[in-house]
C-alpha atoms as a PDB file:
ATOM      1  CA  MET A   1       8.420  -0.381 -21.898  1.00  0.00           C
ATOM      2  CA  LEU A   2       6.402  -3.746 -21.958  1.00  0.00           C
ATOM      3  CA  ILE A   3       2.136  -3.564 -20.245  1.00  0.00           C
ATOM      4  CA  LEU A   4       1.008  -7.299 -20.465  1.00  0.00           C
ATOM      5  CA  ASP A   5      -2.395  -8.104 -19.804  1.00  0.00           C
ATOM      6  CA  VAL A   6      -2.628 -11.626 -18.523  1.00  0.00           C
ATOM      7  CA  ASP A   7      -6.258 -13.175 -20.267  1.00  0.00           C
ATOM      8  CA  GLY A   8      -8.053 -14.679 -18.236  1.00  0.00           C
ATOM      9  CA  PHE A   9      -6.790 -13.526 -14.921  1.00  0.00           C
ATOM     10  CA  CYS A  10     -10.108 -12.079 -13.450  1.00  0.00           C
ATOM     11  CA  HIS A  11     -11.592 -15.436 -13.980  1.00  0.00           C
ATOM     12  CA  VAL A  12      -9.034 -16.944 -12.186  1.00  0.00           C
ATOM     13  CA  ASN A  13      -9.268 -15.094  -9.423  1.00  0.00           C
ATOM     14  CA  ARG A  14     -13.061 -14.871  -9.168  1.00  0.00           C
ATOM     15  CA  ALA A  15     -13.744 -18.682  -9.773  1.00  0.00           C
ATOM     16  CA  HIS A  16     -10.626 -19.762  -7.612  1.00  0.00           C
ATOM     17  CA  GLY A  17      -9.795 -17.342  -5.410  1.00  0.00           C
ATOM     18  CA  GLN A  18      -6.914 -14.885  -4.802  1.00  0.00           C
ATOM     19  CA  ASP A  19      -4.371 -18.109  -3.532  1.00  0.00           C
ATOM     20  CA  ALA A  20      -4.861 -19.544  -7.421  1.00  0.00           C
ATOM     21  CA  GLY A  21      -4.904 -15.902  -8.634  1.00  0.00           C
ATOM     22  CA  ASN A  22      -1.813 -15.479  -6.819  1.00  0.00           C
ATOM     23  CA  ALA A  23      -0.121 -18.475  -8.382  1.00  0.00           C
ATOM     24  CA  VAL A  24      -0.700 -17.287 -11.961  1.00  0.00           C
ATOM     25  CA  LEU A  25       0.930 -13.830 -10.846  1.00  0.00           C
ATOM     26  CA  ARG A  26       4.133 -15.946  -9.339  1.00  0.00           C
ATOM     27  CA  GLU A  27       4.525 -18.257 -12.982  1.00  0.00           C
ATOM     28  CA  VAL A  28       4.342 -14.980 -14.842  1.00  0.00           C
ATOM     29  CA  ALA A  29       6.867 -13.630 -12.472  1.00  0.00           C
ATOM     30  CA  GLU A  30       9.188 -16.137 -13.299  1.00  0.00           C
ATOM     31  CA  VAL A  31       8.709 -16.856 -17.075  1.00  0.00           C
ATOM     32  CA  LEU A  32       9.704 -13.314 -17.249  1.00  0.00           C
ATOM     33  CA  ARG A  33      12.551 -13.513 -14.821  1.00  0.00           C
ATOM     34  CA  GLU A  34      13.481 -16.475 -16.815  1.00  0.00           C
ATOM     35  CA  THR A  35      13.236 -14.672 -20.488  1.00  0.00           C
ATOM     36  CA  MET A  36      14.368 -10.508 -19.702  1.00  0.00           C
ATOM     37  CA  ARG A  37      17.795  -9.163 -19.294  1.00  0.00           C
ATOM     38  CA  GLY A  38      19.653  -9.156 -15.998  1.00  0.00           C
ATOM     39  CA  THR A  39      19.065  -5.213 -16.191  1.00  0.00           C
ATOM     40  CA  ASP A  40      15.485  -5.316 -16.896  1.00  0.00           C
ATOM     41  CA  VAL A  41      13.082  -4.347 -14.235  1.00  0.00           C
ATOM     42  CA  THR A  42       9.442  -5.199 -13.681  1.00  0.00           C
ATOM     43  CA  GLY A  43       6.787  -4.249 -11.342  1.00  0.00           C
ATOM     44  CA  ARG A  44       3.107  -4.546 -11.119  1.00  0.00           C
ATOM     45  CA  PRO A  45       0.702  -1.826  -9.891  1.00  0.00           C
ATOM     46  CA  GLY A  46      -1.867  -1.889  -7.390  1.00  0.00           C
ATOM     47  CA  ALA A  47      -4.070  -5.195  -7.536  1.00  0.00           C
ATOM     48  CA  GLY A  48      -7.078  -2.462  -7.691  1.00  0.00           C
ATOM     49  CA  ALA A  49      -5.714  -1.645 -11.455  1.00  0.00           C
ATOM     50  CA  ILE A  50      -5.041  -5.400 -12.313  1.00  0.00           C
ATOM     51  CA  CYS A  51      -8.681  -7.014 -11.867  1.00  0.00           C
ATOM     52  CA  ARG A  52     -12.114  -5.171 -10.759  1.00  0.00           C
ATOM     53  CA  PRO A  53     -15.922  -6.524 -10.387  1.00  0.00           C
END
């Protein structure tokens, strides 16, 4: 199991809006897709667990 903490994610979300935050998450997902084995699985907990005010 690997748990990632995307440093600065909450700041991006707050300062630039949810669309920018979603773009960051898409980029992270793409990097994971490119580097993980085909049998590995990724997931994300509910948004409330990702960024709290």
